[in-house]
Amino acid sequence: MIEIDPKFKGVLLEALQESMYKLSLDLSKMKGEPLTSNRRELSKKQALLEELQHIITVGE
């Protein structure tokens, strides 16, 4: 389990949300296109960021 000092949680969550927003914009540009390796990698990264966000918020 990851322990994060509470004073960093807000900033960390905000940074994660910004990264997730950027990824969702990139993925939306690819919507309807073939599943390329780049698109797969972005989807994997998005899933990992969502998992990390969950880990951080559950610890609150």
C-alpha atoms as a PDB file:
ATOM      1  CA  MET A   1       0.000   0.000   0.000  1.00  0.00           C
ATOM      2  CA  ILE A   2       1.148   3.501  -0.771  1.00  0.00           C
ATOM      3  CA  GLU A   3       1.248   6.021   2.044  1.00  0.00           C
ATOM      4  CA  ILE A   4       1.058   9.636   0.964  1.00  0.00           C
ATOM      5  CA  ASP A   5       1.347  12.585   3.284  1.00  0.00           C
ATOM      6  CA  PRO A   6      -2.107  14.243   3.364  1.00  0.00           C
ATOM      7  CA  LYS A   7      -0.610  17.620   2.437  1.00  0.00           C
ATOM      8  CA  PHE A   8       0.350  16.186  -0.986  1.00  0.00           C
ATOM      9  CA  LYS A   9      -2.896  14.358  -1.796  1.00  0.00           C
ATOM     10  CA  GLY A  10      -4.782  17.335  -3.204  1.00  0.00           C
ATOM     11  CA  VAL A  11      -1.958  18.377  -5.510  1.00  0.00           C
ATOM     12  CA  LEU A  12      -1.325  14.795  -6.586  1.00  0.00           C
ATOM     13  CA  LEU A  13      -4.997  14.209  -7.375  1.00  0.00           C
ATOM     14  CA  GLU A  14      -5.157  17.451  -9.331  1.00  0.00           C
ATOM     15  CA  ALA A  15      -2.110  16.446 -11.384  1.00  0.00           C
ATOM     16  CA  LEU A  16      -3.647  13.027 -12.045  1.00  0.00           C
ATOM     17  CA  GLN A  17      -6.906  14.620 -13.189  1.00  0.00           C
ATOM     18  CA  GLU A  18      -5.026  16.907 -15.574  1.00  0.00           C
ATOM     19  CA  SER A  19      -3.113  13.942 -17.000  1.00  0.00           C
ATOM     20  CA  MET A  20      -6.315  11.941 -17.360  1.00  0.00           C
ATOM     21  CA  TYR A  21      -7.995  14.877 -19.129  1.00  0.00           C
ATOM     22  CA  LYS A  22      -5.096  15.195 -21.572  1.00  0.00           C
ATOM     23  CA  LEU A  23      -5.188  11.458 -22.267  1.00  0.00           C
ATOM     24  CA  SER A  24      -8.936  11.523 -22.834  1.00  0.00           C
ATOM     25  CA  LEU A  25      -8.502  14.349 -25.365  1.00  0.00           C
ATOM     26  CA  ASP A  26      -5.812  12.377 -27.185  1.00  0.00           C
ATOM     27  CA  LEU A  27      -7.963   9.245 -27.178  1.00  0.00           C
ATOM     28  CA  SER A  28     -11.038  11.117 -28.382  1.00  0.00           C
ATOM     29  CA  LYS A  29      -9.085  12.264 -31.450  1.00  0.00           C
ATOM     30  CA  MET A  30      -8.508   8.588 -32.260  1.00  0.00           C
ATOM     31  CA  LYS A  31     -12.128   7.537 -31.801  1.00  0.00           C
ATOM     32  CA  GLY A  32     -13.383   5.421 -34.687  1.00  0.00           C
ATOM     33  CA  GLU A  33      -9.875   4.730 -35.925  1.00  0.00           C
ATOM     34  CA  PRO A  34      -8.141   1.340 -35.862  1.00  0.00           C
ATOM     35  CA  LEU A  35      -6.682   0.175 -32.567  1.00  0.00           C
ATOM     36  CA  THR A  36      -3.041   1.155 -33.084  1.00  0.00           C
ATOM     37  CA  SER A  37      -0.225   0.403 -30.669  1.00  0.00           C
ATOM     38  CA  ASN A  38      -0.187   4.095 -29.676  1.00  0.00           C
ATOM     39  CA  ARG A  39      -3.901   4.008 -28.882  1.00  0.00           C
ATOM     40  CA  ARG A  40      -3.467   0.809 -26.854  1.00  0.00           C
ATOM     41  CA  GLU A  41      -0.635   2.389 -24.871  1.00  0.00           C
ATOM     42  CA  LEU A  42      -2.713   5.498 -24.143  1.00  0.00           C
ATOM     43  CA  SER A  43      -5.605   3.309 -22.988  1.00  0.00           C
ATOM     44  CA  LYS A  44      -3.296   1.337 -20.692  1.00  0.00           C
ATOM     45  CA  LYS A  45      -1.864   4.558 -19.270  1.00  0.00           C
ATOM     46  CA  GLN A  46      -5.371   5.900 -18.678  1.00  0.00           C
ATOM     47  CA  ALA A  47      -6.341   2.724 -16.804  1.00  0.00           C
ATOM     48  CA  LEU A  48      -3.215   2.954 -14.639  1.00  0.00           C
ATOM     49  CA  LEU A  49      -3.912   6.602 -13.810  1.00  0.00           C
ATOM     50  CA  GLU A  50      -7.494   5.720 -12.857  1.00  0.00           C
ATOM     51  CA  GLU A  51      -6.206   2.926 -10.613  1.00  0.00           C
ATOM     52  CA  LEU A  52      -3.697   5.258  -8.968  1.00  0.00           C
ATOM     53  CA  GLN A  53      -6.401   7.870  -8.429  1.00  0.00           C
ATOM     54  CA  HIS A  54      -8.547   5.241  -6.733  1.00  0.00           C
ATOM     55  CA  ILE A  55      -5.677   4.134  -4.495  1.00  0.00           C
ATOM     56  CA  ILE A  56      -5.039   7.728  -3.407  1.00  0.00           C
ATOM     57  CA  THR A  57      -8.684   8.609  -2.742  1.00  0.00           C
ATOM     58  CA  VAL A  58      -9.455   5.392  -0.857  1.00  0.00           C
ATOM     59  CA  GLY A  59      -6.626   6.214   1.525  1.00  0.00           C
ATOM     60  CA  GLU A  60      -8.296   9.490   2.503  1.00  0.00           C
END
